[in-house]
N, C-alpha and C. Protein backbone atom coordinates (compact mmCIF):
# COMPACT_ATOMS: atom_id res chain seq x y z
N UNK A 1 131.61 123.38 114.13
CA UNK A 1 131.13 122.46 113.11
C UNK A 1 129.66 122.17 113.36
N UNK A 2 128.85 122.13 112.28
CA UNK A 2 127.43 121.85 112.41
C UNK A 2 127.19 120.38 112.68
N UNK A 3 126.15 120.10 113.44
CA UNK A 3 125.80 118.73 113.76
C UNK A 3 125.48 117.95 112.50
N UNK A 4 125.97 116.69 112.42
CA UNK A 4 125.64 115.81 111.31
C UNK A 4 126.49 116.02 110.08
N UNK A 5 127.54 116.85 110.16
CA UNK A 5 128.38 117.07 109.00
C UNK A 5 129.81 116.69 109.33
N UNK A 6 130.62 116.50 108.33
CA UNK A 6 132.03 116.25 108.50
C UNK A 6 132.31 115.04 109.37
N UNK A 7 133.30 115.18 110.25
CA UNK A 7 133.75 114.09 111.11
C UNK A 7 132.63 113.61 112.04
N UNK A 8 131.88 114.54 112.58
CA UNK A 8 130.79 114.16 113.48
C UNK A 8 129.74 113.33 112.74
N UNK A 9 129.43 113.70 111.51
CA UNK A 9 128.45 112.95 110.71
C UNK A 9 128.93 111.54 110.45
N UNK A 10 130.21 111.38 110.15
CA UNK A 10 130.77 110.05 109.92
C UNK A 10 130.73 109.23 111.20
N UNK A 11 131.00 109.87 112.32
CA UNK A 11 130.96 109.16 113.60
C UNK A 11 129.54 108.72 113.92
N UNK A 12 128.54 109.59 113.67
CA UNK A 12 127.15 109.25 113.93
C UNK A 12 126.69 108.10 113.06
N UNK A 13 127.13 108.05 111.80
CA UNK A 13 126.72 106.99 110.89
C UNK A 13 127.18 105.63 111.37
N UNK A 14 128.31 105.57 112.07
CA UNK A 14 128.83 104.31 112.56
C UNK A 14 128.33 103.92 113.93
N UNK A 15 127.49 104.74 114.54
CA UNK A 15 127.01 104.47 115.89
C UNK A 15 125.96 103.37 115.89
N UNK A 16 125.85 102.75 117.01
CA UNK A 16 124.79 101.77 117.21
C UNK A 16 123.44 102.44 117.03
N UNK A 17 122.46 101.72 116.45
CA UNK A 17 121.13 102.30 116.30
C UNK A 17 120.51 102.72 117.64
N UNK A 18 121.00 102.15 118.73
CA UNK A 18 120.48 102.51 120.04
C UNK A 18 120.77 103.96 120.39
N UNK A 19 121.83 104.51 119.80
CA UNK A 19 122.23 105.88 120.13
C UNK A 19 121.79 106.90 119.09
N UNK A 20 121.27 106.43 117.95
CA UNK A 20 120.78 107.35 116.93
C UNK A 20 119.39 107.82 117.30
N UNK A 21 119.04 109.00 116.87
CA UNK A 21 117.69 109.50 117.12
C UNK A 21 116.71 108.77 116.23
N UNK A 22 115.58 108.46 116.79
CA UNK A 22 114.52 107.79 116.05
C UNK A 22 113.41 108.80 115.77
N UNK A 23 112.70 108.56 114.68
CA UNK A 23 111.53 109.39 114.39
C UNK A 23 110.47 109.08 115.43
N UNK A 24 109.83 110.10 115.91
CA UNK A 24 108.74 109.91 116.86
C UNK A 24 107.63 109.13 116.15
N UNK A 25 107.02 108.14 116.83
CA UNK A 25 105.95 107.38 116.18
C UNK A 25 104.85 108.26 115.61
N UNK A 26 104.52 109.37 116.26
CA UNK A 26 103.46 110.24 115.77
C UNK A 26 103.82 110.91 114.44
N UNK A 27 105.11 110.96 114.11
CA UNK A 27 105.55 111.59 112.87
C UNK A 27 105.46 110.61 111.69
N UNK A 28 105.02 109.39 111.94
CA UNK A 28 104.93 108.36 110.91
C UNK A 28 103.52 108.33 110.33
N UNK A 29 103.36 107.64 109.21
CA UNK A 29 102.04 107.44 108.61
C UNK A 29 101.97 106.04 108.04
N UNK A 30 100.94 105.31 108.43
CA UNK A 30 100.69 103.98 107.90
C UNK A 30 99.51 104.08 106.94
N UNK A 31 99.66 103.47 105.77
CA UNK A 31 98.61 103.45 104.77
C UNK A 31 98.23 102.00 104.49
N UNK A 32 96.94 101.71 104.56
CA UNK A 32 96.44 100.39 104.22
C UNK A 32 95.74 100.48 102.87
N UNK A 33 96.28 99.78 101.89
CA UNK A 33 95.66 99.72 100.57
C UNK A 33 94.80 98.47 100.56
N UNK A 34 93.50 98.67 100.37
CA UNK A 34 92.54 97.58 100.52
C UNK A 34 91.44 97.67 99.48
N UNK A 35 90.53 96.71 99.51
CA UNK A 35 89.34 96.77 98.67
C UNK A 35 88.16 96.27 99.48
N UNK A 36 86.96 96.68 99.11
CA UNK A 36 85.76 96.23 99.81
C UNK A 36 85.59 94.70 99.71
N UNK A 37 85.11 94.10 100.79
CA UNK A 37 84.82 92.67 100.79
C UNK A 37 86.03 91.77 100.90
N UNK A 38 87.17 92.30 101.25
CA UNK A 38 88.42 91.54 101.35
C UNK A 38 88.67 91.16 102.81
N UNK A 39 88.55 89.86 103.13
CA UNK A 39 88.73 89.45 104.53
C UNK A 39 90.16 89.63 105.02
N UNK A 40 91.15 89.47 104.14
CA UNK A 40 92.53 89.73 104.55
C UNK A 40 92.74 91.21 104.85
N UNK A 41 92.02 92.06 104.12
CA UNK A 41 92.09 93.50 104.37
C UNK A 41 91.51 93.84 105.74
N UNK A 42 90.42 93.18 106.08
CA UNK A 42 89.81 93.39 107.40
C UNK A 42 90.77 92.95 108.51
N UNK A 43 91.44 91.80 108.30
CA UNK A 43 92.42 91.32 109.28
C UNK A 43 93.58 92.30 109.42
N UNK A 44 94.07 92.81 108.28
CA UNK A 44 95.18 93.77 108.29
C UNK A 44 94.76 95.04 109.01
N UNK A 45 93.55 95.50 108.77
CA UNK A 45 93.08 96.72 109.41
C UNK A 45 93.01 96.56 110.92
N UNK A 46 92.59 95.40 111.39
CA UNK A 46 92.51 95.16 112.83
C UNK A 46 93.90 95.28 113.48
N UNK A 47 94.92 94.73 112.82
CA UNK A 47 96.29 94.81 113.35
C UNK A 47 96.77 96.26 113.32
N UNK A 48 96.53 96.95 112.22
CA UNK A 48 96.96 98.35 112.08
C UNK A 48 96.27 99.22 113.12
N UNK A 49 94.98 99.04 113.31
CA UNK A 49 94.26 99.83 114.32
C UNK A 49 94.85 99.62 115.70
N UNK A 50 95.20 98.38 116.03
CA UNK A 50 95.76 98.08 117.35
C UNK A 50 97.14 98.72 117.52
N UNK A 51 98.04 98.45 116.58
CA UNK A 51 99.41 98.96 116.70
C UNK A 51 99.44 100.48 116.64
N UNK A 52 98.76 101.05 115.68
CA UNK A 52 98.75 102.52 115.55
C UNK A 52 98.06 103.17 116.74
N UNK A 53 97.02 102.54 117.24
CA UNK A 53 96.35 103.05 118.42
C UNK A 53 97.26 103.03 119.64
N UNK A 54 97.99 101.93 119.81
CA UNK A 54 98.93 101.81 120.94
C UNK A 54 100.02 102.87 120.87
N UNK A 55 100.51 103.15 119.66
CA UNK A 55 101.66 104.05 119.48
C UNK A 55 101.26 105.49 119.17
N UNK A 56 100.00 105.73 118.93
CA UNK A 56 99.57 107.07 118.56
C UNK A 56 99.99 107.46 117.15
N UNK A 57 100.11 106.48 116.27
CA UNK A 57 100.52 106.73 114.89
C UNK A 57 99.28 106.86 114.01
N UNK A 58 99.21 107.89 113.20
CA UNK A 58 98.07 108.01 112.29
C UNK A 58 98.13 106.97 111.18
N UNK A 59 96.95 106.56 110.73
CA UNK A 59 96.89 105.64 109.60
C UNK A 59 95.71 106.03 108.71
N UNK A 60 95.78 105.60 107.46
CA UNK A 60 94.73 105.93 106.50
C UNK A 60 94.44 104.72 105.62
N UNK A 61 93.18 104.49 105.31
CA UNK A 61 92.83 103.45 104.34
C UNK A 61 92.74 104.06 102.94
N UNK A 62 93.12 103.28 101.95
CA UNK A 62 92.94 103.70 100.55
C UNK A 62 92.30 102.54 99.82
N UNK A 63 91.23 102.83 99.10
CA UNK A 63 90.48 101.83 98.36
C UNK A 63 91.10 101.65 96.98
N UNK A 64 91.61 100.46 96.72
CA UNK A 64 92.30 100.18 95.46
C UNK A 64 91.35 100.29 94.25
N UNK A 65 90.05 100.14 94.50
CA UNK A 65 89.09 100.22 93.40
C UNK A 65 88.80 101.66 92.99
N UNK A 66 89.28 102.63 93.76
CA UNK A 66 89.03 104.04 93.46
C UNK A 66 90.28 104.78 92.97
N UNK A 67 91.38 104.05 92.79
CA UNK A 67 92.63 104.70 92.39
C UNK A 67 93.33 103.80 91.37
N UNK A 68 93.33 104.20 90.11
CA UNK A 68 93.88 103.39 89.02
C UNK A 68 95.37 103.07 89.23
N UNK A 69 96.14 104.04 89.70
CA UNK A 69 97.57 103.83 89.92
C UNK A 69 97.81 102.76 90.99
N UNK A 70 97.09 102.87 92.11
CA UNK A 70 97.23 101.85 93.16
C UNK A 70 96.77 100.49 92.65
N UNK A 71 95.67 100.47 91.90
CA UNK A 71 95.16 99.23 91.33
C UNK A 71 96.21 98.56 90.45
N UNK A 72 96.80 99.30 89.55
CA UNK A 72 97.79 98.74 88.64
C UNK A 72 99.04 98.25 89.36
N UNK A 73 99.40 98.94 90.41
CA UNK A 73 100.64 98.60 91.13
C UNK A 73 100.47 97.45 92.13
N UNK A 74 99.33 97.42 92.83
CA UNK A 74 99.20 96.51 93.97
C UNK A 74 98.09 95.47 93.87
N UNK A 75 97.35 95.39 92.79
CA UNK A 75 96.17 94.55 92.72
C UNK A 75 96.43 93.11 93.21
N UNK A 76 97.51 92.50 92.81
CA UNK A 76 97.78 91.10 93.16
C UNK A 76 98.35 90.93 94.56
N UNK A 77 98.58 92.01 95.28
CA UNK A 77 99.20 91.91 96.60
C UNK A 77 98.29 92.34 97.75
N UNK A 78 97.11 92.85 97.50
CA UNK A 78 96.32 93.43 98.58
C UNK A 78 95.94 92.40 99.63
N UNK A 79 95.85 92.82 100.87
CA UNK A 79 96.11 94.18 101.34
C UNK A 79 97.61 94.49 101.34
N UNK A 80 97.92 95.75 101.12
CA UNK A 80 99.29 96.24 101.15
C UNK A 80 99.39 97.30 102.23
N UNK A 81 100.47 97.23 103.01
CA UNK A 81 100.70 98.22 104.05
C UNK A 81 101.93 99.04 103.68
N UNK A 82 101.77 100.35 103.69
CA UNK A 82 102.88 101.27 103.47
C UNK A 82 103.19 101.96 104.79
N UNK A 83 104.46 102.17 105.05
CA UNK A 83 104.90 102.97 106.19
C UNK A 83 105.66 104.15 105.59
N UNK A 84 105.16 105.33 105.82
CA UNK A 84 105.75 106.55 105.27
C UNK A 84 105.91 106.46 103.75
N UNK A 85 104.93 105.86 103.09
CA UNK A 85 104.92 105.78 101.64
C UNK A 85 105.72 104.64 101.04
N UNK A 86 106.42 103.88 101.87
CA UNK A 86 107.22 102.75 101.39
C UNK A 86 106.53 101.44 101.75
N UNK A 87 106.54 100.47 100.82
CA UNK A 87 105.87 99.21 101.08
C UNK A 87 106.52 98.49 102.26
N UNK A 88 105.70 98.15 103.23
CA UNK A 88 106.14 97.43 104.43
C UNK A 88 105.84 95.95 104.30
N UNK A 89 104.63 95.62 103.88
CA UNK A 89 104.24 94.22 103.76
C UNK A 89 103.00 94.11 102.89
N UNK A 90 102.61 92.87 102.59
CA UNK A 90 101.37 92.62 101.88
C UNK A 90 100.80 91.28 102.33
N UNK A 91 99.54 91.05 102.03
CA UNK A 91 98.73 89.90 102.40
C UNK A 91 98.47 89.80 103.89
N UNK A 92 99.48 89.52 104.69
CA UNK A 92 99.29 89.39 106.14
C UNK A 92 100.18 90.38 106.87
N UNK A 93 99.65 90.98 107.94
CA UNK A 93 100.40 91.98 108.69
C UNK A 93 100.81 91.36 110.02
N UNK A 94 102.11 91.36 110.28
CA UNK A 94 102.65 90.86 111.54
C UNK A 94 102.71 92.02 112.53
N UNK A 95 102.00 91.87 113.65
CA UNK A 95 101.90 92.95 114.62
C UNK A 95 103.26 93.40 115.13
N UNK A 96 104.10 92.48 115.53
CA UNK A 96 105.40 92.86 116.10
C UNK A 96 106.31 93.50 115.05
N UNK A 97 106.27 93.01 113.83
CA UNK A 97 107.09 93.59 112.76
C UNK A 97 106.66 95.03 112.47
N UNK A 98 105.34 95.26 112.42
CA UNK A 98 104.84 96.62 112.19
C UNK A 98 105.22 97.52 113.36
N UNK A 99 105.08 97.03 114.55
CA UNK A 99 105.44 97.83 115.74
C UNK A 99 106.93 98.21 115.69
N UNK A 100 107.79 97.28 115.35
CA UNK A 100 109.23 97.58 115.23
C UNK A 100 109.50 98.62 114.16
N UNK A 101 108.82 98.47 113.02
CA UNK A 101 109.03 99.43 111.92
C UNK A 101 108.64 100.85 112.35
N UNK A 102 107.67 100.97 113.22
CA UNK A 102 107.21 102.29 113.64
C UNK A 102 107.99 102.87 114.80
N UNK A 103 108.78 102.05 115.46
CA UNK A 103 109.54 102.55 116.62
C UNK A 103 111.04 102.54 116.40
N UNK A 104 111.52 101.90 115.34
CA UNK A 104 112.97 101.90 115.05
C UNK A 104 113.36 103.10 114.24
């Protein structure tokens, strides 16, 4: 039987998260959606730089003023942090919460 299918797959799904394989932090991507002159964005970037630097996780900034789709979607929430393309948080970034998201 192949790994992750049938009975074994059902057994793995019910296992404690401690025994499941986690994505390596380096395989993750953090995106900071920001705008120029935004002090909350600067604060968020400082947290992201620290956490991503500690874990070796790549991150990228995106300027909301240069992307109409991001502007329309996130304008009232910036700064916005995405982890692997999914919204993680907005306005303020909690260092421990981000660290957990990248290591769980």
